[in-house]
Amino acid sequence: MTDRISLLRRRLLLFTGKGGVGKSTVVAAIAEAAARRGQRPLIVELGHRASMQDIFLGRAGGSGRRRAPKIGHEPVAVRPDGGVWAMNIDLESALFDYVVEQVKVKRIARMITGNRTLDRLFRAAPAVREIVMLNKLRQLERQQQADGAPRWSPILVDLDATGHALMFLEMPRMLRKVIAHGPLRGLVDSLTELFTDRQRTTLCLVTLPLEVPVQETLELYHELTELHEVSIGGMFINQVPAAPLDDAAIAALDELETRARASDDVAAQREVLADVTLARRMVASYRHARAQVERLRELGLPTAELPRMYLRSGEALDLEALGERALTGLEGGDA
């Protein structure tokens, strides 16, 4: 399932993880790092999500500063230098692109997709949303510049939470079982080829060092290895805490507590005991997080641990630095 190929050498990078693990931030950070390395990354969100709009607006907003453009179905540059691009694939536009691909004439495609009866049929038919969105990703992956080089490199896809991601990845294989002939079978074969090509496509897992996200990540990994042919390029453990105290300081806590309890200064005693209690809680939290990290590392995947960052009001997250840390973690053999 895992192929030790540098992440940015792949054309299509898929990211999934439990909601709230910081997946979109990791995607944006890796795109920034890819741009810094001279590549032309495109971030793709599915549906009507607006995570990238918020991330890049937050960085570009403010008095007298350039505001990021509205992210829609067509790729737009979200950095002043054009280094990072983003788009949002919605059902209506993806369906139109698919029909154009089939009938070749945009006017006819508009007549088909604009027909209310057909529109209701498209929306009610099973897997239409997944098929046309997968097809749009295939189209983007095939786009080239004038010199023949890929237009986008890499394409980073911010998938929905794990349950939908599984269905999304499983769709081509399921459809191959029920579609035997015709143009739709050709499309399904093409999609299957793209998503199972380990040189072009890989899936990345994003999680937190907490029990519930870790358990879901482990279950997702085992389900992927059993049911899917897509490769797993690595794992990003977000918000890993730093050690609050070194071993000597931890060892000194018992002695500090003993001295405090022997003191006649009640106010000082309370202050020291409160500090000792807080320190022990921080150490316990850190050890619990490390135990969760070790559970994940047992999978043997290339793994990058990303720090927990605390920002002052008005500060923007340094996405470039975070992305470099993410890539360095994988490339450095942290598995």
C-alpha atoms as a PDB file:
ATOM      1  CA  MET A   1       0.000   0.000   0.000  1.00  0.00           C
ATOM      2  CA  THR A   2       2.861   2.417   0.742  1.00  0.00           C
ATOM      3  CA  ASP A   3       5.325   3.589  -1.915  1.00  0.00           C
ATOM      4  CA  ARG A   4       8.415   5.503  -0.822  1.00  0.00           C
ATOM      5  CA  ILE A   5       8.221   8.127  -3.561  1.00  0.00           C
ATOM      6  CA  SER A   6       8.755  11.791  -2.760  1.00  0.00           C
ATOM      7  CA  LEU A   7       5.304  13.250  -2.175  1.00  0.00           C
ATOM      8  CA  LEU A   8       5.668  16.163  -4.601  1.00  0.00           C
ATOM      9  CA  ARG A   9       6.686  13.846  -7.447  1.00  0.00           C
ATOM     10  CA  ARG A  10       3.087  12.600  -7.581  1.00  0.00           C
ATOM     11  CA  ARG A  11       0.570  14.445  -9.737  1.00  0.00           C
ATOM     12  CA  LEU A  12      -2.522  13.874  -7.607  1.00  0.00           C
ATOM     13  CA  LEU A  13      -2.379  14.121  -3.813  1.00  0.00           C
ATOM     14  CA  LEU A  14      -5.523  13.170  -1.895  1.00  0.00           C
ATOM     15  CA  PHE A  15      -5.934  14.172   1.743  1.00  0.00           C
ATOM     16  CA  THR A  16      -8.429  12.748   4.205  1.00  0.00           C
ATOM     17  CA  GLY A  17      -8.992  12.688   7.940  1.00  0.00           C
ATOM     18  CA  LYS A  18     -11.589  13.067  10.654  1.00  0.00           C
ATOM     19  CA  GLY A  19     -13.285  16.452  10.778  1.00  0.00           C
ATOM     20  CA  GLY A  20     -11.454  19.004  12.900  1.00  0.00           C
ATOM     21  CA  VAL A  21      -7.933  17.566  12.565  1.00  0.00           C
ATOM     22  CA  GLY A  22      -6.611  20.522  10.571  1.00  0.00           C
ATOM     23  CA  LYS A  23      -6.610  18.756   7.203  1.00  0.00           C
ATOM     24  CA  SER A  24      -7.276  21.880   5.134  1.00  0.00           C
ATOM     25  CA  THR A  25      -4.462  23.751   6.880  1.00  0.00           C
ATOM     26  CA  VAL A  26      -2.049  20.912   6.093  1.00  0.00           C
ATOM     27  CA  VAL A  27      -3.165  20.923   2.441  1.00  0.00           C
ATOM     28  CA  ALA A  28      -2.654  24.693   2.174  1.00  0.00           C
ATOM     29  CA  ALA A  29       0.740  24.447   3.883  1.00  0.00           C
ATOM     30  CA  ILE A  30       2.024  21.740   1.533  1.00  0.00           C
ATOM     31  CA  ALA A  31       0.808  23.759  -1.470  1.00  0.00           C
ATOM     32  CA  GLU A  32       2.774  26.759  -0.200  1.00  0.00           C
ATOM     33  CA  ALA A  33       5.898  24.614   0.241  1.00  0.00           C
ATOM     34  CA  ALA A  34       5.451  23.143  -3.257  1.00  0.00           C
ATOM     35  CA  ALA A  35       5.252  26.653  -4.747  1.00  0.00           C
ATOM     36  CA  ARG A  36       8.419  27.617  -2.906  1.00  0.00           C
ATOM     37  CA  ARG A  37      10.140  24.647  -4.566  1.00  0.00           C
ATOM     38  CA  GLY A  38       9.210  25.951  -8.003  1.00  0.00           C
ATOM     39  CA  GLN A  39       6.103  23.867  -8.650  1.00  0.00           C
ATOM     40  CA  ARG A  40       2.614  25.057  -9.646  1.00  0.00           C
ATOM     41  CA  PRO A  41       0.223  23.533  -7.102  1.00  0.00           C
ATOM     42  CA  LEU A  42      -3.552  23.548  -7.441  1.00  0.00           C
ATOM     43  CA  ILE A  43      -5.726  23.009  -4.368  1.00  0.00           C
ATOM     44  CA  VAL A  44      -9.099  21.395  -5.097  1.00  0.00           C
ATOM     45  CA  GLU A  45     -12.042  21.338  -2.688  1.00  0.00           C
ATOM     46  CA  LEU A  46     -15.190  19.340  -3.369  1.00  0.00           C
ATOM     47  CA  GLY A  47     -18.722  20.649  -3.023  1.00  0.00           C
ATOM     48  CA  HIS A  48     -19.529  24.010  -1.487  1.00  0.00           C
ATOM     49  CA  ARG A  49     -16.852  24.065   1.196  1.00  0.00           C
ATOM     50  CA  ALA A  50     -14.973  27.307   1.801  1.00  0.00           C
ATOM     51  CA  SER A  51     -11.977  26.262   3.889  1.00  0.00           C
ATOM     52  CA  MET A  52      -9.372  27.592   1.451  1.00  0.00           C
ATOM     53  CA  GLN A  53     -11.265  30.829   1.026  1.00  0.00           C
ATOM     54  CA  ASP A  54     -11.032  31.360   4.780  1.00  0.00           C
ATOM     55  CA  ILE A  55      -7.374  30.313   4.990  1.00  0.00           C
ATOM     56  CA  PHE A  56      -6.140  32.538   2.181  1.00  0.00           C
ATOM     57  CA  LEU A  57      -8.476  35.439   2.924  1.00  0.00           C
ATOM     58  CA  GLY A  58      -7.170  35.398   6.492  1.00  0.00           C
ATOM     59  CA  ARG A  59      -3.628  35.684   5.232  1.00  0.00           C
ATOM     60  CA  ALA A  60      -4.327  38.261   2.535  1.00  0.00           C
ATOM     61  CA  GLY A  61      -6.912  40.368   4.321  1.00  0.00           C
ATOM     62  CA  GLY A  62      -6.363  43.522   6.283  1.00  0.00           C
ATOM     63  CA  SER A  63      -6.234  47.250   5.636  1.00  0.00           C
ATOM     64  CA  GLY A  64      -4.322  48.174   2.494  1.00  0.00           C
ATOM     65  CA  ARG A  65      -3.436  44.587   1.667  1.00  0.00           C
ATOM     66  CA  ARG A  66      -4.472  42.467  -1.297  1.00  0.00           C
ATOM     67  CA  ARG A  67      -7.555  40.346  -0.698  1.00  0.00           C
ATOM     68  CA  ALA A  68      -7.709  36.836  -2.097  1.00  0.00           C
ATOM     69  CA  PRO A  69     -10.175  36.407  -4.981  1.00  0.00           C
ATOM     70  CA  LYS A  70     -13.332  34.393  -4.717  1.00  0.00           C
ATOM     71  CA  ILE A  71     -12.577  30.692  -5.115  1.00  0.00           C
ATOM     72  CA  GLY A  72     -14.986  28.996  -7.508  1.00  0.00           C
ATOM     73  CA  HIS A  73     -15.153  26.250 -10.115  1.00  0.00           C
ATOM     74  CA  GLU A  74     -12.304  27.694 -12.200  1.00  0.00           C
ATOM     75  CA  PRO A  75      -8.758  27.817 -10.756  1.00  0.00           C
ATOM     76  CA  VAL A  76      -7.724  31.204  -9.339  1.00  0.00           C
ATOM     77  CA  ALA A  77      -4.388  32.369  -7.950  1.00  0.00           C
ATOM     78  CA  VAL A  78      -4.588  32.828  -4.183  1.00  0.00           C
ATOM     79  CA  ARG A  79      -1.114  34.333  -3.786  1.00  0.00           C
ATOM     80  CA  PRO A  80       0.029  37.663  -5.259  1.00  0.00           C
ATOM     81  CA  ASP A  81       2.839  35.919  -7.158  1.00  0.00           C
ATOM     82  CA  GLY A  82       0.485  33.294  -8.621  1.00  0.00           C
ATOM     83  CA  GLY A  83       2.392  30.520  -6.908  1.00  0.00           C
ATOM     84  CA  VAL A  84      -0.634  28.737  -5.450  1.00  0.00           C
ATOM     85  CA  TRP A  85      -3.971  28.200  -7.160  1.00  0.00           C
ATOM     86  CA  ALA A  86      -7.269  26.924  -5.774  1.00  0.00           C
ATOM     87  CA  MET A  87     -10.715  25.900  -6.972  1.00  0.00           C
ATOM     88  CA  ASN A  88     -13.926  24.322  -5.746  1.00  0.00           C
ATOM     89  CA  ILE A  89     -15.572  21.566  -7.802  1.00  0.00           C
ATOM     90  CA  ASP A  90     -19.343  21.865  -7.563  1.00  0.00           C
ATOM     91  CA  LEU A  91     -21.817  19.366  -8.981  1.00  0.00           C
ATOM     92  CA  GLU A  92     -23.467  21.642 -11.557  1.00  0.00           C
ATOM     93  CA  SER A  93     -20.241  22.807 -13.173  1.00  0.00           C
ATOM     94  CA  ALA A  94     -18.628  19.363 -13.046  1.00  0.00           C
ATOM     95  CA  LEU A  95     -21.709  17.851 -14.687  1.00  0.00           C
ATOM     96  CA  PHE A  96     -21.600  20.493 -17.425  1.00  0.00           C
ATOM     97  CA  ASP A  97     -17.906  19.759 -18.056  1.00  0.00           C
ATOM     98  CA  TYR A  98     -18.690  16.058 -18.338  1.00  0.00           C
ATOM     99  CA  VAL A  99     -21.540  16.612 -20.820  1.00  0.00           C
ATOM    100  CA  VAL A 100     -19.346  18.940 -22.914  1.00  0.00           C
ATOM    101  CA  GLU A 101     -16.724  16.204 -23.012  1.00  0.00           C
ATOM    102  CA  GLN A 102     -19.331  13.797 -24.385  1.00  0.00           C
ATOM    103  CA  VAL A 103     -21.266  15.971 -26.886  1.00  0.00           C
ATOM    104  CA  LYS A 104     -18.383  18.346 -27.792  1.00  0.00           C
ATOM    105  CA  VAL A 105     -20.716  21.366 -28.252  1.00  0.00           C
ATOM    106  CA  LYS A 106     -21.248  23.729 -25.288  1.00  0.00           C
ATOM    107  CA  ARG A 107     -24.647  24.974 -26.544  1.00  0.00           C
ATOM    108  CA  ILE A 108     -26.002  21.422 -26.624  1.00  0.00           C
ATOM    109  CA  ALA A 109     -24.435  20.719 -23.237  1.00  0.00           C
ATOM    110  CA  ARG A 110     -26.237  23.757 -21.776  1.00  0.00           C
ATOM    111  CA  MET A 111     -29.535  22.528 -23.218  1.00  0.00           C
ATOM    112  CA  ILE A 112     -29.022  19.101 -21.614  1.00  0.00           C
ATOM    113  CA  THR A 113     -27.921  20.305 -18.190  1.00  0.00           C
ATOM    114  CA  GLY A 114     -30.489  23.109 -18.213  1.00  0.00           C
ATOM    115  CA  ASN A 115     -33.408  20.726 -18.724  1.00  0.00           C
ATOM    116  CA  ARG A 116     -35.249  20.465 -15.403  1.00  0.00           C
ATOM    117  CA  THR A 117     -36.345  16.882 -15.923  1.00  0.00           C
ATOM    118  CA  LEU A 118     -32.844  15.753 -16.800  1.00  0.00           C
ATOM    119  CA  ASP A 119     -31.441  17.797 -13.925  1.00  0.00           C
ATOM    120  CA  ARG A 120     -33.698  15.971 -11.444  1.00  0.00           C
ATOM    121  CA  LEU A 121     -32.689  12.667 -13.058  1.00  0.00           C
ATOM    122  CA  PHE A 122     -28.982  13.480 -12.726  1.00  0.00           C
ATOM    123  CA  ARG A 123     -29.373  14.421  -9.081  1.00  0.00           C
ATOM    124  CA  ALA A 124     -31.402  11.330  -8.244  1.00  0.00           C
ATOM    125  CA  ALA A 125     -29.182   8.857 -10.090  1.00  0.00           C
ATOM    126  CA  PRO A 126     -26.717   7.013  -7.840  1.00  0.00           C
ATOM    127  CA  ALA A 127     -23.032   8.011  -7.965  1.00  0.00           C
ATOM    128  CA  VAL A 128     -23.521  10.856 -10.486  1.00  0.00           C
ATOM    129  CA  ARG A 129     -21.921  13.366  -8.103  1.00  0.00           C
ATOM    130  CA  GLU A 130     -18.883  11.176  -7.525  1.00  0.00           C
ATOM    131  CA  ILE A 131     -18.465  10.246 -11.207  1.00  0.00           C
ATOM    132  CA  VAL A 132     -18.525  13.812 -12.540  1.00  0.00           C
ATOM    133  CA  MET A 133     -16.237  15.083  -9.773  1.00  0.00           C
ATOM    134  CA  LEU A 134     -13.774  12.250 -10.345  1.00  0.00           C
ATOM    135  CA  ASN A 135     -13.936  13.044 -14.045  1.00  0.00           C
ATOM    136  CA  LYS A 136     -13.127  16.704 -13.356  1.00  0.00           C
ATOM    137  CA  LEU A 137     -10.035  15.633 -11.392  1.00  0.00           C
ATOM    138  CA  ARG A 138      -9.036  13.450 -14.346  1.00  0.00           C
ATOM    139  CA  GLN A 139      -9.417  16.446 -16.683  1.00  0.00           C
ATOM    140  CA  LEU A 140      -7.293  18.645 -14.431  1.00  0.00           C
ATOM    141  CA  GLU A 141      -4.593  15.986 -14.198  1.00  0.00           C
ATOM    142  CA  ARG A 142      -4.410  15.825 -17.996  1.00  0.00           C
ATOM    143  CA  GLN A 143      -4.169  19.573 -18.608  1.00  0.00           C
ATOM    144  CA  GLN A 144      -0.881  20.751 -20.111  1.00  0.00           C
ATOM    145  CA  GLN A 145       0.939  24.010 -20.688  1.00  0.00           C
ATOM    146  CA  ALA A 146       2.067  25.144 -24.146  1.00  0.00           C
ATOM    147  CA  ASP A 147       5.399  23.349 -23.764  1.00  0.00           C
ATOM    148  CA  GLY A 148       3.715  20.064 -22.905  1.00  0.00           C
ATOM    149  CA  ALA A 149       4.498  20.236 -19.188  1.00  0.00           C
ATOM    150  CA  PRO A 150       1.648  19.543 -16.739  1.00  0.00           C
ATOM    151  CA  ARG A 151      -0.400  22.656 -16.067  1.00  0.00           C
ATOM    152  CA  TRP A 152      -0.745  21.712 -12.392  1.00  0.00           C
ATOM    153  CA  SER A 153       1.888  20.010 -10.294  1.00  0.00           C
ATOM    154  CA  PRO A 154       0.765  18.746  -7.913  1.00  0.00           C
ATOM    155  CA  ILE A 155      -3.025  18.771  -7.572  1.00  0.00           C
ATOM    156  CA  LEU A 156      -3.923  18.615  -3.871  1.00  0.00           C
ATOM    157  CA  VAL A 157      -7.461  17.357  -3.216  1.00  0.00           C
ATOM    158  CA  ASP A 158      -9.018  18.232   0.138  1.00  0.00           C
ATOM    159  CA  LEU A 159     -11.436  15.310   0.513  1.00  0.00           C
ATOM    160  CA  ASP A 160     -14.354  15.283   2.911  1.00  0.00           C
ATOM    161  CA  ALA A 161     -14.228  13.355   6.190  1.00  0.00           C
ATOM    162  CA  THR A 162     -13.129   9.725   6.128  1.00  0.00           C
ATOM    163  CA  GLY A 163     -16.514   8.110   5.449  1.00  0.00           C
ATOM    164  CA  HIS A 164     -17.139  10.079   2.260  1.00  0.00           C
ATOM    165  CA  ALA A 165     -13.513   9.710   1.211  1.00  0.00           C
ATOM    166  CA  LEU A 166     -13.839   5.928   1.356  1.00  0.00           C
ATOM    167  CA  MET A 167     -16.921   5.997  -0.848  1.00  0.00           C
ATOM    168  CA  PHE A 168     -15.218   8.416  -3.235  1.00  0.00           C
ATOM    169  CA  LEU A 169     -12.163   6.188  -3.613  1.00  0.00           C
ATOM    170  CA  GLU A 170     -14.201   3.013  -3.885  1.00  0.00           C
ATOM    171  CA  MET A 171     -16.537   4.342  -6.588  1.00  0.00           C
ATOM    172  CA  PRO A 172     -14.502   3.478  -9.742  1.00  0.00           C
ATOM    173  CA  ARG A 173     -13.928  -0.107  -8.597  1.00  0.00           C
ATOM    174  CA  MET A 174     -17.598  -0.579  -7.707  1.00  0.00           C
ATOM    175  CA  LEU A 175     -18.761   0.806 -11.042  1.00  0.00           C
ATOM    176  CA  ARG A 176     -16.483  -1.527 -12.981  1.00  0.00           C
ATOM    177  CA  LYS A 177     -18.511  -4.422 -11.581  1.00  0.00           C
ATOM    178  CA  VAL A 178     -21.831  -3.139 -12.945  1.00  0.00           C
ATOM    179  CA  ILE A 179     -20.865  -1.291 -16.146  1.00  0.00           C
ATOM    180  CA  ALA A 180     -19.652  -3.680 -18.803  1.00  0.00           C
ATOM    181  CA  HIS A 181     -19.666  -1.639 -22.044  1.00  0.00           C
ATOM    182  CA  GLY A 182     -20.078   1.785 -23.594  1.00  0.00           C
ATOM    183  CA  PRO A 183     -18.481   5.219 -23.104  1.00  0.00           C
ATOM    184  CA  LEU A 184     -19.210   5.222 -19.373  1.00  0.00           C
ATOM    185  CA  ARG A 185     -17.194   2.015 -18.991  1.00  0.00           C
ATOM    186  CA  GLY A 186     -14.302   3.733 -20.762  1.00  0.00           C
ATOM    187  CA  LEU A 187     -14.520   6.632 -18.305  1.00  0.00           C
ATOM    188  CA  VAL A 188     -14.628   4.302 -15.316  1.00  0.00           C
ATOM    189  CA  ASP A 189     -11.574   2.412 -16.602  1.00  0.00           C
ATOM    190  CA  SER A 190      -9.736   5.701 -17.061  1.00  0.00           C
ATOM    191  CA  LEU A 191     -10.626   6.842 -13.539  1.00  0.00           C
ATOM    192  CA  THR A 192      -9.550   3.513 -12.077  1.00  0.00           C
ATOM    193  CA  GLU A 193      -6.240   3.726 -13.912  1.00  0.00           C
ATOM    194  CA  LEU A 194      -5.574   7.227 -12.556  1.00  0.00           C
ATOM    195  CA  PHE A 195      -6.489   6.526  -8.947  1.00  0.00           C
ATOM    196  CA  THR A 196      -4.579   3.242  -8.759  1.00  0.00           C
ATOM    197  CA  ASP A 197      -1.437   4.505 -10.536  1.00  0.00           C
ATOM    198  CA  ARG A 198       1.073   4.659  -7.680  1.00  0.00           C
ATOM    199  CA  GLN A 199       3.397   6.882  -9.698  1.00  0.00           C
ATOM    200  CA  ARG A 200       0.711   9.555 -10.184  1.00  0.00           C
ATOM    201  CA  THR A 201      -1.705   9.310  -7.262  1.00  0.00           C
ATOM    202  CA  THR A 202      -1.392   8.860  -3.523  1.00  0.00           C
ATOM    203  CA  LEU A 203      -3.534   9.311  -0.440  1.00  0.00           C
ATOM    204  CA  CYS A 204      -2.347  11.127   2.683  1.00  0.00           C
ATOM    205  CA  LEU A 205      -3.858  10.696   6.138  1.00  0.00           C
ATOM    206  CA  VAL A 206      -4.179  13.637   8.535  1.00  0.00           C
ATOM    207  CA  THR A 207      -4.895  13.122  12.215  1.00  0.00           C
ATOM    208  CA  LEU A 208      -4.336  14.375  15.762  1.00  0.00           C
ATOM    209  CA  PRO A 209      -2.501  12.637  18.650  1.00  0.00           C
ATOM    210  CA  LEU A 210      -5.794  12.028  20.440  1.00  0.00           C
ATOM    211  CA  GLU A 211      -7.480   8.692  21.066  1.00  0.00           C
ATOM    212  CA  VAL A 212     -10.611   9.098  18.928  1.00  0.00           C
ATOM    213  CA  PRO A 213      -8.913  10.525  15.785  1.00  0.00           C
ATOM    214  CA  VAL A 214      -6.117   7.965  16.109  1.00  0.00           C
ATOM    215  CA  GLN A 215      -8.546   5.063  16.379  1.00  0.00           C
ATOM    216  CA  GLU A 216     -10.450   6.294  13.332  1.00  0.00           C
ATOM    217  CA  THR A 217      -7.187   6.679  11.415  1.00  0.00           C
ATOM    218  CA  LEU A 218      -6.143   3.127  12.275  1.00  0.00           C
ATOM    219  CA  GLU A 219      -9.531   1.790  11.173  1.00  0.00           C
ATOM    220  CA  LEU A 220      -9.356   3.810   7.952  1.00  0.00           C
ATOM    221  CA  TYR A 221      -5.873   2.492   7.192  1.00  0.00           C
ATOM    222  CA  HIS A 222      -6.915  -1.129   7.657  1.00  0.00           C
ATOM    223  CA  GLU A 223     -10.031  -0.611   5.549  1.00  0.00           C
ATOM    224  CA  LEU A 224      -7.948   0.955   2.793  1.00  0.00           C
ATOM    225  CA  THR A 225      -5.476  -1.911   2.789  1.00  0.00           C
ATOM    226  CA  GLU A 226      -8.308  -4.432   2.537  1.00  0.00           C
ATOM    227  CA  LEU A 227     -10.587  -2.746   0.026  1.00  0.00           C
ATOM    228  CA  HIS A 228      -8.693  -0.218  -2.043  1.00  0.00           C
ATOM    229  CA  GLU A 229      -5.804  -0.163  -4.475  1.00  0.00           C
ATOM    230  CA  VAL A 230      -4.799   3.464  -3.926  1.00  0.00           C
ATOM    231  CA  SER A 231      -1.355   3.913  -2.403  1.00  0.00           C
ATOM    232  CA  ILE A 232      -0.850   5.715   0.907  1.00  0.00           C
ATOM    233  CA  GLY A 233       1.939   8.244   0.581  1.00  0.00           C
ATOM    234  CA  GLY A 234       2.223   9.282   4.199  1.00  0.00           C
ATOM    235  CA  MET A 235       0.601  10.496   7.382  1.00  0.00           C
ATOM    236  CA  PHE A 236       0.588  13.909   9.050  1.00  0.00           C
ATOM    237  CA  ILE A 237       0.029  14.042  12.804  1.00  0.00           C
ATOM    238  CA  ASN A 238      -1.110  17.569  13.497  1.00  0.00           C
ATOM    239  CA  GLN A 239      -0.715  19.590  16.710  1.00  0.00           C
ATOM    240  CA  VAL A 240       1.811  17.291  18.397  1.00  0.00           C
ATOM    241  CA  PRO A 241       2.745  18.932  21.735  1.00  0.00           C
ATOM    242  CA  ALA A 242       6.349  19.600  22.678  1.00  0.00           C
ATOM    243  CA  ALA A 243       7.724  18.105  25.900  1.00  0.00           C
ATOM    244  CA  PRO A 244       6.715  20.549  28.677  1.00  0.00           C
ATOM    245  CA  LEU A 245       9.614  19.534  30.987  1.00  0.00           C
ATOM    246  CA  ASP A 246      12.834  17.597  30.672  1.00  0.00           C
ATOM    247  CA  ASP A 247      13.466  14.424  32.690  1.00  0.00           C
ATOM    248  CA  ALA A 248      15.344  16.268  35.438  1.00  0.00           C
ATOM    249  CA  ALA A 249      12.505  18.737  35.956  1.00  0.00           C
ATOM    250  CA  ILE A 250       9.929  15.934  36.055  1.00  0.00           C
ATOM    251  CA  ALA A 251      11.997  14.063  38.640  1.00  0.00           C
ATOM    252  CA  ALA A 252      12.179  17.213  40.775  1.00  0.00           C
ATOM    253  CA  LEU A 253       8.395  17.616  41.045  1.00  0.00           C
ATOM    254  CA  ASP A 254       8.062  15.176  43.979  1.00  0.00           C
ATOM    255  CA  GLU A 255      10.758  16.955  45.946  1.00  0.00           C
ATOM    256  CA  LEU A 256       9.220  20.335  45.162  1.00  0.00           C
ATOM    257  CA  GLU A 257       5.843  19.150  46.423  1.00  0.00           C
ATOM    258  CA  THR A 258       7.369  17.734  49.612  1.00  0.00           C
ATOM    259  CA  ARG A 259       9.117  21.030  50.397  1.00  0.00           C
ATOM    260  CA  ALA A 260       5.980  23.015  49.693  1.00  0.00           C
ATOM    261  CA  ARG A 261       3.879  20.911  52.052  1.00  0.00           C
ATOM    262  CA  ALA A 262       6.497  21.379  54.785  1.00  0.00           C
ATOM    263  CA  SER A 263       6.408  25.155  54.401  1.00  0.00           C
ATOM    264  CA  ASP A 264       4.644  27.372  56.967  1.00  0.00           C
ATOM    265  CA  ASP A 265       3.859  29.937  54.292  1.00  0.00           C
ATOM    266  CA  VAL A 266       0.323  28.906  53.333  1.00  0.00           C
ATOM    267  CA  ALA A 267       0.025  31.261  50.353  1.00  0.00           C
ATOM    268  CA  ALA A 268       3.358  30.144  48.880  1.00  0.00           C
ATOM    269  CA  GLN A 269       2.441  26.519  49.547  1.00  0.00           C
ATOM    270  CA  ARG A 270      -0.785  26.831  47.587  1.00  0.00           C
ATOM    271  CA  GLU A 271       0.963  28.552  44.680  1.00  0.00           C
ATOM    272  CA  VAL A 272       3.700  25.904  44.438  1.00  0.00           C
ATOM    273  CA  LEU A 273       1.262  22.994  44.751  1.00  0.00           C
ATOM    274  CA  ALA A 274      -0.919  24.508  42.025  1.00  0.00           C
ATOM    275  CA  ASP A 275       2.130  24.785  39.763  1.00  0.00           C
ATOM    276  CA  VAL A 276       3.147  21.189  40.507  1.00  0.00           C
ATOM    277  CA  THR A 277      -0.375  19.950  39.721  1.00  0.00           C
ATOM    278  CA  LEU A 278      -0.427  21.881  36.434  1.00  0.00           C
ATOM    279  CA  ALA A 279       3.019  20.551  35.489  1.00  0.00           C
ATOM    280  CA  ARG A 280       1.944  16.963  36.142  1.00  0.00           C
ATOM    281  CA  ARG A 281      -1.165  17.416  34.024  1.00  0.00           C
ATOM    282  CA  MET A 282       0.913  18.802  31.174  1.00  0.00           C
ATOM    283  CA  VAL A 283       3.353  15.891  31.442  1.00  0.00           C
ATOM    284  CA  ALA A 284       0.471  13.385  31.510  1.00  0.00           C
ATOM    285  CA  SER A 285      -1.110  15.037  28.452  1.00  0.00           C
ATOM    286  CA  TYR A 286       2.208  14.967  26.614  1.00  0.00           C
ATOM    287  CA  ARG A 287       2.802  11.297  27.445  1.00  0.00           C
ATOM    288  CA  HIS A 288      -0.700  10.405  26.306  1.00  0.00           C
ATOM    289  CA  ALA A 289      -0.089  12.214  23.000  1.00  0.00           C
ATOM    290  CA  ARG A 290       3.234  10.388  22.531  1.00  0.00           C
ATOM    291  CA  ALA A 291       1.511   7.063  23.190  1.00  0.00           C
ATOM    292  CA  GLN A 292      -1.006   7.877  20.445  1.00  0.00           C
ATOM    293  CA  VAL A 293       1.798   8.853  18.089  1.00  0.00           C
ATOM    294  CA  GLU A 294       3.497   5.520  18.705  1.00  0.00           C
ATOM    295  CA  ARG A 295       0.247   3.682  17.904  1.00  0.00           C
ATOM    296  CA  LEU A 296       0.238   5.415  14.547  1.00  0.00           C
ATOM    297  CA  ARG A 297       3.920   4.834  13.876  1.00  0.00           C
ATOM    298  CA  GLU A 298       3.383   1.098  14.234  1.00  0.00           C
ATOM    299  CA  LEU A 299       1.704   1.238  10.813  1.00  0.00           C
ATOM    300  CA  GLY A 300       5.112   1.868   9.270  1.00  0.00           C
ATOM    301  CA  LEU A 301       3.950   4.774   7.108  1.00  0.00           C
ATOM    302  CA  PRO A 302       6.177   7.756   6.312  1.00  0.00           C
ATOM    303  CA  THR A 303       5.087  10.113   9.078  1.00  0.00           C
ATOM    304  CA  ALA A 304       5.524  13.818   9.794  1.00  0.00           C
ATOM    305  CA  GLU A 305       4.773  15.268  13.213  1.00  0.00           C
ATOM    306  CA  LEU A 306       3.558  18.855  13.017  1.00  0.00           C
ATOM    307  CA  PRO A 307       3.821  21.194  16.013  1.00  0.00           C
ATOM    308  CA  ARG A 308       1.032  22.758  17.992  1.00  0.00           C
ATOM    309  CA  MET A 309       1.142  26.461  17.156  1.00  0.00           C
ATOM    310  CA  TYR A 310      -0.253  29.232  19.316  1.00  0.00           C
ATOM    311  CA  LEU A 311      -0.854  32.516  17.514  1.00  0.00           C
ATOM    312  CA  ARG A 312      -1.433  35.949  18.973  1.00  0.00           C
ATOM    313  CA  SER A 313      -4.531  37.845  17.882  1.00  0.00           C
ATOM    314  CA  GLY A 314      -4.150  39.081  14.302  1.00  0.00           C
ATOM    315  CA  GLU A 315      -1.228  36.777  13.491  1.00  0.00           C
ATOM    316  CA  ALA A 316      -1.323  34.562  10.404  1.00  0.00           C
ATOM    317  CA  LEU A 317      -0.082  31.002  10.421  1.00  0.00           C
ATOM    318  CA  ASP A 318       3.240  30.595   8.601  1.00  0.00           C
ATOM    319  CA  LEU A 319       1.966  28.073   6.075  1.00  0.00           C
ATOM    320  CA  GLU A 320       5.250  27.895   4.175  1.00  0.00           C
ATOM    321  CA  ALA A 321       7.195  26.905   7.288  1.00  0.00           C
ATOM    322  CA  LEU A 322       4.539  24.378   8.280  1.00  0.00           C
ATOM    323  CA  GLY A 323       4.560  22.886   4.786  1.00  0.00           C
ATOM    324  CA  GLU A 324       8.347  22.574   4.762  1.00  0.00           C
ATOM    325  CA  ARG A 325       8.185  20.813   8.108  1.00  0.00           C
ATOM    326  CA  ALA A 326       5.528  18.448   6.755  1.00  0.00           C
ATOM    327  CA  LEU A 327       7.539  17.563   3.655  1.00  0.00           C
ATOM    328  CA  THR A 328      10.821  17.287   5.513  1.00  0.00           C
ATOM    329  CA  GLY A 329       9.207  14.874   7.967  1.00  0.00           C
ATOM    330  CA  LEU A 330       8.226  12.533   5.151  1.00  0.00           C
ATOM    331  CA  GLU A 331      11.355  12.952   3.066  1.00  0.00           C
ATOM    332  CA  GLY A 332      13.603  12.521   6.066  1.00  0.00           C
ATOM    333  CA  GLY A 333      12.425   8.943   6.522  1.00  0.00           C
ATOM    334  CA  ASP A 334      10.404   9.526   9.685  1.00  0.00           C
ATOM    335  CA  ALA A 335       8.471   6.288   9.378  1.00  0.00           C
END
